[in-house]
Amino acid sequence: MSQIFALVDCNNFYASCEKLFAPRLKNVPVLVLSNNDGCVVARSREAKALGIKMGVPVFKIKQVITKHKIQVFSSNYPLYADMSSRVIHTLEALVPRVEVYSIDEAFLDLSGLDKRFSLEDFGKQVKAKVDKDTGIQVCVGIAPTKTLAKLANHGAKQYPATGGVVDLTARIRQEKLMAITPVEEVWGVGRQLTKRLNAMGITTALDLAQTDPQQIRNQFSIVLERTVHELNGIACLELEEIPAKRKQIISSRSFGQVVTELDGMRQAIAQHATRAAENLRAEEQQAKVLTVFIQTNRFKTDQPSYSNSAIGQLPEPSNDSRVLARLAMQLLESIWRDGYRYNKGGVMLADFYDQNASQPSLFEDMTKKYRSKKLMAAVDQINESGLGTVTLASQGNCNCSGLIPMDTSMRDNRPSLV
């Protein structure tokens, strides 16, 4: 049985999530900014039409924002993680095998379905079902390899006449799309590779597909050689149902009761930092960057509104709950404002390193690091045994019963992982 993949990609995902909960923003340009509100990380369709580029510093486009009344939001990763899980849950109900590729993309295994259905019609059903269940618009690319499925999805986004679904199972359609697609749009071909390929006269995806794979391997790498095979319909990449190690870990909950005092928020943030650290250790990773975020209920229009986040960096990567909670407390102090009724807070870890392969610095105390590892292993063992619970003093009396999960489908009340 020949393999068939579909790539489902959410359209302008972060901006779409913000629009979903604010109907007034329909047809209004929306931007989502990085955690420190420095750069644009997501743009709605309307914002793209105004020529705003991804990654542009927001201070450079203040006049454009004012002129076109663009709505600007800080990143709300707990919301995006929750909506992502809802989209994936919908996809898993439609097909038996799903690979979560990123927060807004997933590969589906459609092998065998072409014998029973029109794949294009099935893609339209997937698109309609996700829209109905989650309110998120997606595009669907279908092809015999992952690389071609990515290309098909690019075509579905690029050309509105496709209706958001492109089926590239036929070779003639593959070649037509590749002929009009720049080589830099091929999955895995970055800026530097594009320059080298262009110098060889390879400017389109079709040019790359028609190049001798051995030549590509000799001049570039076995990875790019596989890309050439994939562009020719030879699958080299399998569906990976076991997720790769996370690039981010988010622990966030809506509070059962509003928090108005700093001590209460300290306890909640300490608990989130501890839970995130537990998941970090479970994946045998360490983090160097930590973000704390707090916010009031944006839908309570009769109350003062406030949301903020702060990012901190450790001198050395760590997965020690004490180290991460200590940094989280410092960041919380910097963004806390009295006089607000907070309904949500959380912690995000990023910039991960393998705990078994990280390079220590010249001045790092390895004895201290060894003791930290042994202590955290002992704490995890006790907490997992069911015989008792070890917590940080900063967690106070805060416990799971005082928090309401954003995503009630989360298993064993663990924090969302992205």
Protein backbone atom coordinates (compact mmCIF):
# COMPACT_ATOMS: atom_id res chain seq x y z
CA MET A 1 0.00 0.00 0.00
CA SER A 2 1.46 3.35 -1.04
CA GLN A 3 1.89 6.03 1.63
CA ILE A 4 -0.14 9.23 1.59
CA PHE A 5 0.42 12.12 3.97
CA ALA A 6 -1.61 15.21 4.72
CA LEU A 7 -0.19 18.31 6.40
CA VAL A 8 -2.77 20.34 8.31
CA ASP A 9 -1.50 23.84 9.11
CA CYS A 10 -3.44 26.46 11.09
CA ASN A 11 -3.70 29.82 9.34
CA ASN A 12 -2.01 32.75 11.14
CA PHE A 13 -2.42 30.70 14.30
CA TYR A 14 -1.56 33.11 17.12
CA ALA A 15 -3.52 35.94 15.50
CA SER A 16 -6.43 33.58 14.77
CA CYS A 17 -6.57 32.54 18.43
CA GLU A 18 -6.82 36.18 19.50
CA LYS A 19 -9.56 36.87 16.94
CA LEU A 20 -11.49 33.78 17.96
CA PHE A 21 -12.32 35.23 21.37
CA ALA A 22 -13.01 38.76 20.11
CA PRO A 23 -15.62 38.76 17.31
CA ARG A 24 -15.21 42.53 16.99
CA LEU A 25 -11.83 41.83 15.39
CA LYS A 26 -13.32 40.17 12.30
CA ASN A 27 -11.65 41.74 9.24
CA VAL A 28 -9.49 43.89 11.56
CA PRO A 29 -5.69 43.69 11.21
CA VAL A 30 -4.12 41.98 14.24
CA LEU A 31 -0.51 41.62 15.37
CA VAL A 32 0.89 39.39 18.10
CA LEU A 33 4.17 40.45 19.70
CA SER A 34 6.99 38.54 21.36
CA ASN A 35 6.99 38.15 25.14
CA ASN A 36 8.75 41.46 25.73
CA ASP A 37 6.51 43.13 23.14
CA GLY A 38 9.56 43.84 21.01
CA CYS A 39 8.91 42.14 17.67
CA VAL A 40 6.03 40.87 15.56
CA VAL A 41 5.68 37.08 15.83
CA ALA A 42 2.27 36.66 14.15
CA ARG A 43 0.13 38.62 11.69
CA SER A 44 -3.47 38.25 10.62
CA ARG A 45 -4.33 38.11 6.93
CA GLU A 46 -5.28 41.80 7.02
CA ALA A 47 -1.97 42.77 8.66
CA LYS A 48 -0.02 40.83 6.04
CA ALA A 49 -1.89 42.72 3.33
CA LEU A 50 -0.54 45.96 4.81
CA GLY A 51 3.00 44.74 4.13
CA ILE A 52 4.02 44.16 7.75
CA LYS A 53 6.88 41.67 7.90
CA MET A 54 7.42 38.89 10.40
CA GLY A 55 9.97 39.77 13.09
CA VAL A 56 9.90 43.53 12.52
CA PRO A 57 10.49 45.53 15.74
CA VAL A 58 7.21 47.12 16.78
CA PHE A 59 8.74 50.59 17.27
CA LYS A 60 9.46 50.71 13.53
CA ILE A 61 5.81 50.34 12.58
CA LYS A 62 4.09 52.51 15.21
CA GLN A 63 2.83 54.92 12.57
CA VAL A 64 1.39 52.06 10.50
CA ILE A 65 -0.31 50.64 13.59
CA THR A 66 -1.91 53.98 14.38
CA LYS A 67 -2.88 54.79 10.80
CA HIS A 68 -4.62 51.47 10.15
CA LYS A 69 -5.95 50.97 13.70
CA ILE A 70 -4.15 47.65 14.02
CA GLN A 71 -4.98 45.71 17.18
CA VAL A 72 -1.83 44.56 18.99
CA PHE A 73 -1.59 41.70 21.52
CA SER A 74 1.16 40.33 23.72
CA SER A 75 1.83 36.60 23.24
CA ASN A 76 -0.58 34.42 25.20
CA TYR A 77 1.09 31.01 25.06
CA PRO A 78 -1.31 29.23 27.42
CA LEU A 79 -4.18 30.17 25.09
CA TYR A 80 -2.28 29.02 22.00
CA ALA A 81 -1.32 25.71 23.65
CA ASP A 82 -4.92 25.08 24.65
CA MET A 83 -6.26 25.81 21.17
CA SER A 84 -3.53 23.64 19.65
CA SER A 85 -4.59 20.69 21.80
CA ARG A 86 -8.20 21.16 20.68
CA VAL A 87 -7.19 21.13 17.01
CA ILE A 88 -5.10 17.97 17.52
CA HIS A 89 -7.94 16.29 19.41
CA THR A 90 -10.24 16.94 16.42
CA LEU A 91 -7.68 15.53 13.96
CA GLU A 92 -7.12 12.41 16.07
CA ALA A 93 -10.86 11.70 15.86
CA LEU A 94 -10.69 11.74 12.04
CA VAL A 95 -7.66 9.53 11.32
CA PRO A 96 -5.88 6.77 13.25
CA ARG A 97 -2.34 8.21 13.04
CA VAL A 98 -1.32 11.82 13.70
CA GLU A 99 2.13 13.37 14.13
CA VAL A 100 2.11 16.69 15.98
CA TYR A 101 4.85 18.56 14.12
CA SER A 102 4.52 21.94 15.85
CA ILE A 103 2.02 23.99 17.83
CA ASP A 104 0.08 24.77 14.63
CA GLU A 105 0.95 21.88 12.29
CA ALA A 106 0.27 18.14 12.16
CA PHE A 107 0.88 15.36 9.67
CA LEU A 108 -1.89 12.81 9.08
CA ASP A 109 -1.54 9.31 7.66
CA LEU A 110 -4.11 8.95 4.85
CA SER A 111 -2.66 5.71 3.43
CA GLY A 112 -5.42 3.57 1.94
CA LEU A 113 -8.08 6.28 2.02
CA ASP A 114 -7.58 7.01 -1.69
CA LYS A 115 -9.21 3.64 -2.43
CA ARG A 116 -12.41 4.74 -0.71
CA PHE A 117 -12.61 8.54 -0.93
CA SER A 118 -11.61 11.50 -3.01
CA LEU A 119 -8.62 12.76 -1.05
CA GLU A 120 -9.43 16.36 -1.95
CA ASP A 121 -12.96 15.90 -0.61
CA PHE A 122 -11.57 14.34 2.54
CA GLY A 123 -9.23 17.30 2.96
CA LYS A 124 -12.22 19.63 2.72
CA GLN A 125 -13.99 17.56 5.39
CA VAL A 126 -10.96 17.89 7.67
CA LYS A 127 -10.88 21.64 7.11
CA ALA A 128 -14.60 22.00 7.83
CA LYS A 129 -14.48 19.78 10.93
CA VAL A 130 -11.60 21.70 12.51
CA ASP A 131 -13.38 24.98 11.79
CA LYS A 132 -16.63 23.69 13.31
CA ASP A 133 -15.03 22.20 16.44
CA THR A 134 -12.44 24.88 17.21
CA GLY A 135 -13.14 27.96 15.09
CA ILE A 136 -9.62 27.77 13.67
CA GLN A 137 -9.11 27.94 9.91
CA VAL A 138 -6.61 25.47 8.41
CA CYS A 139 -5.10 24.58 5.07
CA VAL A 140 -4.54 20.98 3.99
CA GLY A 141 -1.81 19.66 1.69
CA ILE A 142 -1.98 16.03 0.52
CA ALA A 143 0.84 14.10 -1.17
CA PRO A 144 2.80 10.80 -1.19
CA THR A 145 5.69 12.27 0.85
CA LYS A 146 5.98 14.70 3.75
CA THR A 147 8.03 17.18 1.71
CA LEU A 148 5.43 17.23 -1.06
CA ALA A 149 2.65 17.51 1.54
CA LYS A 150 4.43 20.60 2.89
CA LEU A 151 4.63 21.94 -0.66
CA ALA A 152 0.96 21.20 -1.24
CA ASN A 153 0.08 23.06 1.95
CA HIS A 154 2.15 26.03 0.77
CA GLY A 155 0.14 26.01 -2.45
CA ALA A 156 -3.13 25.83 -0.51
CA LYS A 157 -2.14 28.95 1.43
CA GLN A 158 -0.67 30.81 -1.52
CA TYR A 159 -3.53 30.36 -3.99
CA PRO A 160 -7.06 31.14 -2.68
CA ALA A 161 -8.67 29.41 -5.69
CA THR A 162 -7.68 26.06 -4.15
CA GLY A 163 -10.14 26.59 -1.30
CA GLY A 164 -7.41 25.77 1.18
CA VAL A 165 -6.92 22.15 0.04
CA VAL A 166 -4.38 20.86 -2.49
CA ASP A 167 -4.02 17.21 -3.53
CA LEU A 168 -0.61 16.45 -5.05
CA THR A 169 -0.93 12.69 -5.41
CA ALA A 170 -0.76 13.01 -9.21
CA ARG A 171 2.74 13.60 -10.61
CA ILE A 172 1.58 16.11 -13.21
CA ARG A 173 0.14 18.31 -10.46
CA GLN A 174 3.34 17.98 -8.42
CA GLU A 175 5.43 19.24 -11.33
CA LYS A 176 3.06 22.12 -12.10
CA LEU A 177 3.24 23.41 -8.53
CA MET A 178 7.00 22.83 -8.21
CA ALA A 179 7.61 24.77 -11.42
CA ILE A 180 6.08 27.94 -9.93
CA THR A 181 7.45 27.50 -6.38
CA PRO A 182 10.80 29.12 -5.47
CA VAL A 183 13.31 26.62 -4.13
CA GLU A 184 13.48 28.49 -0.80
CA GLU A 185 9.90 27.37 -0.12
CA VAL A 186 10.94 23.70 -0.09
CA TRP A 187 10.89 22.20 3.40
CA GLY A 188 14.40 22.25 4.87
CA VAL A 189 15.95 24.61 2.32
CA GLY A 190 17.12 27.66 4.26
CA ARG A 191 18.53 30.99 3.21
CA GLN A 192 22.15 29.87 2.93
CA LEU A 193 21.24 26.74 0.95
CA THR A 194 19.10 28.85 -1.37
CA LYS A 195 22.06 31.07 -2.25
CA ARG A 196 24.22 28.07 -3.10
CA LEU A 197 21.45 26.37 -5.09
CA ASN A 198 20.67 29.57 -7.00
CA ALA A 199 24.35 29.84 -7.92
CA MET A 200 24.00 26.41 -9.55
CA GLY A 201 20.95 27.56 -11.53
CA ILE A 202 18.48 25.80 -9.21
CA THR A 203 15.80 28.42 -8.58
CA THR A 204 12.56 26.43 -8.35
CA ALA A 205 11.41 23.33 -6.51
CA LEU A 206 11.20 21.55 -9.88
CA ASP A 207 14.82 22.42 -10.65
CA LEU A 208 15.85 20.76 -7.39
CA ALA A 209 13.66 17.71 -8.07
CA GLN A 210 15.30 17.24 -11.47
CA THR A 211 18.87 17.48 -10.15
CA ASP A 212 20.89 14.28 -9.78
CA PRO A 213 20.48 13.14 -6.12
CA GLN A 214 24.08 11.90 -5.98
CA GLN A 215 25.36 15.31 -7.08
CA ILE A 216 23.29 16.97 -4.36
CA ARG A 217 24.66 14.53 -1.79
CA ASN A 218 28.25 15.17 -2.86
CA GLN A 219 27.92 18.95 -2.87
CA PHE A 220 25.54 19.40 0.07
CA SER A 221 24.39 16.57 2.36
CA ILE A 222 22.47 13.34 2.62
CA VAL A 223 19.61 15.36 4.11
CA LEU A 224 19.18 17.44 0.95
CA GLU A 225 19.54 14.28 -1.13
CA ARG A 226 16.54 12.86 0.75
CA THR A 227 14.66 16.05 -0.04
CA VAL A 228 15.28 15.46 -3.76
CA HIS A 229 13.92 11.91 -3.44
CA GLU A 230 10.90 13.18 -1.53
CA LEU A 231 10.19 15.76 -4.24
CA ASN A 232 10.12 12.86 -6.69
CA GLY A 233 7.52 10.97 -4.66
CA ILE A 234 9.90 8.60 -2.86
CA ALA A 235 9.08 8.72 0.85
CA CYS A 236 12.18 8.95 3.05
CA LEU A 237 10.48 10.40 6.14
CA GLU A 238 8.05 8.31 8.17
CA LEU A 239 5.20 9.50 10.35
CA GLU A 240 6.48 9.97 13.90
CA GLU A 241 3.68 9.39 16.37
CA ILE A 242 6.01 9.63 19.38
CA PRO A 243 6.59 13.36 19.85
CA ALA A 244 10.11 14.72 19.82
CA LYS A 245 11.48 16.43 22.88
CA ARG A 246 9.70 19.69 23.51
CA LYS A 247 11.21 23.04 22.62
CA GLN A 248 9.07 24.77 25.22
CA ILE A 249 7.23 23.76 28.38
CA ILE A 250 4.32 25.80 29.64
CA SER A 251 2.60 25.39 33.00
CA SER A 252 -0.45 27.60 33.32
CA ARG A 253 -3.86 27.43 34.93
CA SER A 254 -6.86 29.68 35.31
CA PHE A 255 -7.41 30.29 39.02
CA GLY A 256 -10.48 28.97 40.81
CA GLN A 257 -10.64 32.30 42.63
CA VAL A 258 -9.18 35.62 41.60
CA VAL A 259 -5.81 36.49 43.11
CA THR A 260 -5.39 39.99 44.49
CA GLU A 261 -2.40 39.57 46.82
CA LEU A 262 1.24 39.07 45.82
CA ASP A 263 1.71 36.20 48.30
CA GLY A 264 -1.06 34.22 46.64
CA MET A 265 0.45 34.77 43.21
CA ARG A 266 3.90 33.80 44.53
CA GLN A 267 2.53 30.43 45.62
CA ALA A 268 0.83 29.81 42.28
CA ILE A 269 3.89 30.77 40.22
CA ALA A 270 6.17 28.67 42.45
CA GLN A 271 3.93 25.68 41.84
CA HIS A 272 3.96 26.26 38.09
CA ALA A 273 7.75 26.55 38.10
CA THR A 274 8.00 23.30 40.06
CA ARG A 275 5.68 21.43 37.71
CA ALA A 276 7.48 22.70 34.64
CA ALA A 277 10.79 21.61 36.20
CA GLU A 278 9.39 18.12 36.83
CA ASN A 279 8.49 17.78 33.16
CA LEU A 280 11.87 19.14 32.17
CA ARG A 281 13.61 16.45 34.24
CA ALA A 282 11.32 13.77 32.84
CA GLU A 283 12.64 14.62 29.37
CA GLU A 284 16.23 14.74 30.67
CA GLN A 285 16.59 18.35 29.64
CA GLN A 286 17.65 21.62 31.22
CA ALA A 287 16.42 25.14 30.49
CA LYS A 288 18.22 28.44 30.42
CA VAL A 289 15.31 30.82 29.76
CA LEU A 290 12.22 31.26 31.92
CA THR A 291 9.18 33.46 31.35
CA VAL A 292 6.56 34.41 33.95
CA PHE A 293 3.20 35.79 32.84
CA ILE A 294 0.15 37.04 34.76
CA GLN A 295 -3.13 38.51 33.58
CA THR A 296 -6.59 39.63 34.57
CA ASN A 297 -9.76 38.38 32.89
CA ARG A 298 -9.91 40.15 29.53
CA PHE A 299 -13.66 39.48 29.31
CA LYS A 300 -14.46 41.33 32.55
CA THR A 301 -14.85 44.71 30.90
CA ASP A 302 -16.16 46.29 34.11
CA GLN A 303 -12.83 45.68 35.88
CA PRO A 304 -9.35 47.19 35.35
CA SER A 305 -7.35 45.11 32.87
CA TYR A 306 -3.67 44.22 33.10
CA SER A 307 -1.39 41.56 31.64
CA ASN A 308 2.37 41.35 31.55
CA SER A 309 5.28 38.95 31.24
CA ALA A 310 8.98 38.98 32.06
CA ILE A 311 11.83 36.87 30.71
CA GLY A 312 14.90 35.85 32.67
CA GLN A 313 18.02 33.90 31.73
CA LEU A 314 20.03 31.62 33.99
CA PRO A 315 23.84 31.76 33.87
CA GLU A 316 23.81 27.97 33.38
CA PRO A 317 21.05 25.62 32.16
CA SER A 318 19.19 23.95 35.03
CA ASN A 319 16.23 21.68 35.82
CA ASP A 320 16.45 22.21 39.59
CA SER A 321 13.03 23.27 40.89
CA ARG A 322 14.67 25.55 43.47
CA VAL A 323 16.72 27.43 40.88
CA LEU A 324 13.81 27.88 38.48
CA ALA A 325 11.36 28.90 41.22
CA ARG A 326 13.85 31.44 42.58
CA LEU A 327 14.16 33.09 39.15
CA ALA A 328 10.38 32.95 38.70
CA MET A 329 9.90 34.85 41.98
CA GLN A 330 12.29 37.58 40.85
CA LEU A 331 10.49 37.96 37.53
CA LEU A 332 7.09 38.01 39.21
CA GLU A 333 8.20 40.86 41.48
CA SER A 334 9.15 42.91 38.41
CA ILE A 335 5.72 42.69 36.76
CA TRP A 336 3.35 42.54 39.74
CA ARG A 337 0.96 45.45 40.10
CA ASP A 338 -1.35 45.94 43.09
CA GLY A 339 -5.02 46.76 42.62
CA TYR A 340 -5.91 44.13 40.01
CA ARG A 341 -7.96 40.92 40.14
CA TYR A 342 -5.74 38.31 38.47
CA ASN A 343 -7.36 35.19 37.07
CA LYS A 344 -4.38 33.51 35.40
CA GLY A 345 -0.65 33.10 35.71
CA GLY A 346 2.02 30.72 34.54
CA VAL A 347 5.57 29.87 33.64
CA MET A 348 7.22 29.00 30.33
CA LEU A 349 10.62 27.34 29.97
CA ALA A 350 12.70 27.57 26.79
CA ASP A 351 16.23 27.30 25.38
CA PHE A 352 16.70 23.63 26.25
CA TYR A 353 19.89 21.61 26.65
CA ASP A 354 20.35 17.85 27.03
CA GLN A 355 21.22 17.30 30.68
CA ASN A 356 23.58 14.46 29.73
CA ALA A 357 25.42 16.37 27.05
CA SER A 358 25.62 19.99 28.18
CA GLN A 359 29.05 21.60 28.35
CA PRO A 360 29.84 23.02 31.81
CA SER A 361 31.35 26.49 32.03
CA LEU A 362 34.84 27.10 33.38
CA PHE A 363 33.51 28.36 36.72
CA GLU A 364 30.61 25.95 37.21
CA ASP A 365 30.62 24.05 40.52
CA MET A 366 30.20 20.43 39.39
CA THR A 367 29.86 19.16 42.96
CA LYS A 368 26.92 21.46 43.52
CA LYS A 369 25.40 20.37 40.20
CA TYR A 370 25.80 16.68 41.12
CA ARG A 371 24.09 17.24 44.48
CA SER A 372 21.28 19.12 42.76
CA LYS A 373 20.70 16.21 40.36
CA LYS A 374 20.64 13.66 43.19
CA LEU A 375 18.28 15.79 45.28
CA MET A 376 15.82 16.36 42.43
CA ALA A 377 15.88 12.63 41.59
CA ALA A 378 15.03 11.84 45.23
CA VAL A 379 12.21 14.39 45.25
CA ASP A 380 10.74 12.99 42.02
CA GLN A 381 10.95 9.45 43.37
CA ILE A 382 9.08 10.37 46.55
CA ASN A 383 6.42 12.36 44.70
CA GLU A 384 5.85 9.56 42.20
CA SER A 385 5.70 6.83 44.85
CA GLY A 386 2.38 7.97 46.27
CA LEU A 387 3.79 7.71 49.79
CA GLY A 388 4.23 11.44 50.28
CA THR A 389 4.78 14.79 48.62
CA VAL A 390 7.80 17.06 48.76
CA THR A 391 7.22 20.70 47.81
CA LEU A 392 9.09 23.99 47.96
CA ALA A 393 8.37 26.30 50.87
CA SER A 394 7.48 29.02 48.35
CA GLN A 395 4.55 26.91 47.15
CA GLY A 396 2.84 27.47 50.49
CA ASN A 397 -0.58 25.87 50.70
CA CYS A 398 -1.27 26.26 46.99
CA ASN A 399 -2.51 22.97 45.52
CA CYS A 400 -4.21 21.62 42.44
CA SER A 401 -7.69 21.92 43.94
CA GLY A 402 -7.28 25.67 44.02
CA LEU A 403 -6.59 25.90 40.32
CA ILE A 404 -8.79 25.17 37.33
CA PRO A 405 -7.01 23.64 34.30
CA MET A 406 -7.28 25.60 31.07
CA ASP A 407 -7.63 22.34 29.20
CA THR A 408 -9.77 19.90 31.17
CA SER A 409 -8.66 17.04 28.93
CA MET A 410 -5.06 17.28 30.21
CA ARG A 411 -3.97 13.94 31.58
CA ASP A 412 -3.16 13.64 35.28
CA ASN A 413 -3.38 17.43 35.66
CA ARG A 414 0.06 17.98 34.19
CA PRO A 415 0.89 21.36 32.65
CA SER A 416 0.49 21.89 28.88
CA LEU A 417 3.57 20.89 26.88
CA VAL A 418 4.43 22.75 23.50
